[in-house]
Amino acid sequence: MIVEAAEITVKPGSEAHFEAGVSQAAPLFLRAKGCHGVALHRVVETPRVYRLLVKWETVDDHMVGFRNSEDFQAWRRLVSSCFDGAPKVTHSEAVALSNND
């Protein structure tokens, strides 16, 4: 499993619009090949910074399949006006796990 982490800074005053756009866009991600979930986190110390975390089967499912789809274009139409600079996107995979829920 690959986790895409997109750090997104939004323009002042656009937080509610951005959060609503991400909620609207969730089905676009979830129907993409290889997508296993999406979550949005807001950074407590810097409230205009968000982390969008998307679980993908492979990096190609994100970078080739989703990024070249109409659903990606729809996602960007919903939220890109809120961006204060380009998102920083990385991909990671777990190398150690623990859980104490």
C-alpha atoms as a PDB file:
ATOM      1  CA  MET A   1       0.000   0.000   0.000  1.00  0.00           C
ATOM      2  CA  ILE A   2       1.260   3.465  -0.970  1.00  0.00           C
ATOM      3  CA  VAL A   3       0.229   6.633   0.878  1.00  0.00           C
ATOM      4  CA  GLU A   4       0.144   9.841  -1.097  1.00  0.00           C
ATOM      5  CA  ALA A   5       0.662  12.813   1.213  1.00  0.00           C
ATOM      6  CA  ALA A   6      -0.190  16.163  -0.344  1.00  0.00           C
ATOM      7  CA  GLU A   7       0.638  19.168   1.808  1.00  0.00           C
ATOM      8  CA  ILE A   8      -1.627  21.993   0.703  1.00  0.00           C
ATOM      9  CA  THR A   9      -1.555  25.574   1.971  1.00  0.00           C
ATOM     10  CA  VAL A  10      -4.774  27.464   1.297  1.00  0.00           C
ATOM     11  CA  LYS A  11      -5.408  31.177   0.907  1.00  0.00           C
ATOM     12  CA  PRO A  12      -6.603  33.014   4.021  1.00  0.00           C
ATOM     13  CA  GLY A  13     -10.371  32.761   4.355  1.00  0.00           C
ATOM     14  CA  SER A  14     -10.717  29.829   1.942  1.00  0.00           C
ATOM     15  CA  GLU A  15     -10.540  27.055   4.539  1.00  0.00           C
ATOM     16  CA  ALA A  16     -14.273  26.242   4.561  1.00  0.00           C
ATOM     17  CA  HIS A  17     -14.467  26.311   0.753  1.00  0.00           C
ATOM     18  CA  PHE A  18     -11.454  23.988   0.505  1.00  0.00           C
ATOM     19  CA  GLU A  19     -12.816  21.528   3.079  1.00  0.00           C
ATOM     20  CA  ALA A  20     -16.176  21.425   1.283  1.00  0.00           C
ATOM     21  CA  GLY A  21     -14.417  20.867  -2.039  1.00  0.00           C
ATOM     22  CA  VAL A  22     -12.425  17.953  -0.647  1.00  0.00           C
ATOM     23  CA  SER A  23     -15.636  16.406   0.711  1.00  0.00           C
ATOM     24  CA  GLN A  24     -17.270  16.770  -2.703  1.00  0.00           C
ATOM     25  CA  ALA A  25     -14.218  15.280  -4.404  1.00  0.00           C
ATOM     26  CA  ALA A  26     -13.899  12.205  -2.165  1.00  0.00           C
ATOM     27  CA  PRO A  27     -16.034  10.029  -4.495  1.00  0.00           C
ATOM     28  CA  LEU A  28     -13.752  11.002  -7.412  1.00  0.00           C
ATOM     29  CA  PHE A  29     -10.785   9.522  -5.564  1.00  0.00           C
ATOM     30  CA  LEU A  30     -12.644   6.506  -4.233  1.00  0.00           C
ATOM     31  CA  ARG A  31     -13.793   5.336  -7.654  1.00  0.00           C
ATOM     32  CA  ALA A  32     -10.268   5.562  -9.094  1.00  0.00           C
ATOM     33  CA  LYS A  33      -8.478   2.290  -9.789  1.00  0.00           C
ATOM     34  CA  GLY A  34      -6.310   1.336  -6.836  1.00  0.00           C
ATOM     35  CA  CYS A  35      -7.658   3.924  -4.378  1.00  0.00           C
ATOM     36  CA  HIS A  36      -8.280   2.509  -0.901  1.00  0.00           C
ATOM     37  CA  GLY A  37      -9.227   5.633   1.039  1.00  0.00           C
ATOM     38  CA  VAL A  38      -8.843   9.362   1.436  1.00  0.00           C
ATOM     39  CA  ALA A  39      -8.543  11.585   4.512  1.00  0.00           C
ATOM     40  CA  LEU A  40      -7.986  15.295   5.055  1.00  0.00           C
ATOM     41  CA  HIS A  41      -6.045  16.516   8.082  1.00  0.00           C
ATOM     42  CA  ARG A  42      -5.656  20.148   9.151  1.00  0.00           C
ATOM     43  CA  VAL A  43      -2.358  21.139  10.762  1.00  0.00           C
ATOM     44  CA  VAL A  44      -3.118  22.376  14.282  1.00  0.00           C
ATOM     45  CA  GLU A  45      -0.128  24.705  14.507  1.00  0.00           C
ATOM     46  CA  THR A  46      -0.693  26.185  11.031  1.00  0.00           C
ATOM     47  CA  PRO A  47      -4.451  26.103  10.297  1.00  0.00           C
ATOM     48  CA  ARG A  48      -4.084  27.110   6.636  1.00  0.00           C
ATOM     49  CA  VAL A  49      -2.018  23.976   5.989  1.00  0.00           C
ATOM     50  CA  TYR A  50      -3.713  20.667   5.232  1.00  0.00           C
ATOM     51  CA  ARG A  51      -2.476  17.175   4.544  1.00  0.00           C
ATOM     52  CA  LEU A  52      -4.491  15.138   2.084  1.00  0.00           C
ATOM     53  CA  LEU A  53      -3.702  11.462   2.610  1.00  0.00           C
ATOM     54  CA  VAL A  54      -4.764   9.017  -0.085  1.00  0.00           C
ATOM     55  CA  LYS A  55      -4.105   5.286   0.020  1.00  0.00           C
ATOM     56  CA  TRP A  56      -3.185   3.795  -3.354  1.00  0.00           C
ATOM     57  CA  GLU A  57      -2.375   0.268  -4.443  1.00  0.00           C
ATOM     58  CA  THR A  58       0.582   1.594  -6.515  1.00  0.00           C
ATOM     59  CA  VAL A  59       2.215   4.931  -7.318  1.00  0.00           C
ATOM     60  CA  ASP A  60       1.119   4.461 -10.944  1.00  0.00           C
ATOM     61  CA  ASP A  61      -2.519   4.197  -9.844  1.00  0.00           C
ATOM     62  CA  HIS A  62      -2.114   7.772  -8.607  1.00  0.00           C
ATOM     63  CA  MET A  63       0.412   9.319 -10.994  1.00  0.00           C
ATOM     64  CA  VAL A  64      -0.736   7.680 -14.221  1.00  0.00           C
ATOM     65  CA  GLY A  65      -4.294   6.460 -13.739  1.00  0.00           C
ATOM     66  CA  PHE A  66      -5.813   9.184 -11.569  1.00  0.00           C
ATOM     67  CA  ARG A  67      -3.680  12.139 -12.661  1.00  0.00           C
ATOM     68  CA  ASN A  68      -4.589  11.527 -16.313  1.00  0.00           C
ATOM     69  CA  SER A  69      -8.308  11.185 -15.643  1.00  0.00           C
ATOM     70  CA  GLU A  70     -11.241  13.566 -15.955  1.00  0.00           C
ATOM     71  CA  ASP A  71     -11.874  12.949 -12.244  1.00  0.00           C
ATOM     72  CA  PHE A  72      -8.497  14.548 -11.460  1.00  0.00           C
ATOM     73  CA  GLN A  73      -9.476  17.583 -13.519  1.00  0.00           C
ATOM     74  CA  ALA A  74     -12.789  17.758 -11.646  1.00  0.00           C
ATOM     75  CA  TRP A  75     -10.922  17.553  -8.298  1.00  0.00           C
ATOM     76  CA  ARG A  76      -8.681  20.429  -9.312  1.00  0.00           C
ATOM     77  CA  ARG A  77     -11.656  22.524 -10.444  1.00  0.00           C
ATOM     78  CA  LEU A  78     -13.244  22.060  -7.023  1.00  0.00           C
ATOM     79  CA  VAL A  79     -10.234  23.146  -4.947  1.00  0.00           C
ATOM     80  CA  SER A  80      -7.409  24.746  -6.933  1.00  0.00           C
ATOM     81  CA  SER A  81      -8.742  28.284  -6.489  1.00  0.00           C
ATOM     82  CA  CYS A  82      -8.047  27.821  -2.757  1.00  0.00           C
ATOM     83  CA  PHE A  83      -4.366  26.903  -3.200  1.00  0.00           C
ATOM     84  CA  ASP A  84      -1.751  29.341  -1.926  1.00  0.00           C
ATOM     85  CA  GLY A  85       1.107  27.854  -3.943  1.00  0.00           C
ATOM     86  CA  ALA A  86       1.582  24.431  -5.436  1.00  0.00           C
ATOM     87  CA  PRO A  87       0.851  21.372  -3.262  1.00  0.00           C
ATOM     88  CA  LYS A  88       3.869  19.331  -2.201  1.00  0.00           C
ATOM     89  CA  VAL A  89       3.185  15.661  -2.935  1.00  0.00           C
ATOM     90  CA  THR A  90       5.149  12.640  -1.768  1.00  0.00           C
ATOM     91  CA  HIS A  91       4.498   8.904  -1.738  1.00  0.00           C
ATOM     92  CA  SER A  92       5.468   6.556   1.080  1.00  0.00           C
ATOM     93  CA  GLU A  93       5.073   2.944   2.089  1.00  0.00           C
ATOM     94  CA  ALA A  94       5.064   1.478   5.572  1.00  0.00           C
ATOM     95  CA  VAL A  95       8.252  -0.153   6.764  1.00  0.00           C
ATOM     96  CA  ALA A  96       7.189  -0.644  10.392  1.00  0.00           C
ATOM     97  CA  LEU A  97       3.720  -0.733  11.946  1.00  0.00           C
ATOM     98  CA  SER A  98       2.266  -0.721  15.425  1.00  0.00           C
ATOM     99  CA  ASN A  99      -1.212  -0.075  16.744  1.00  0.00           C
ATOM    100  CA  ASN A 100      -2.553   0.507  20.223  1.00  0.00           C
ATOM    101  CA  ASP A 101      -6.207   1.344  19.570  1.00  0.00           C
END
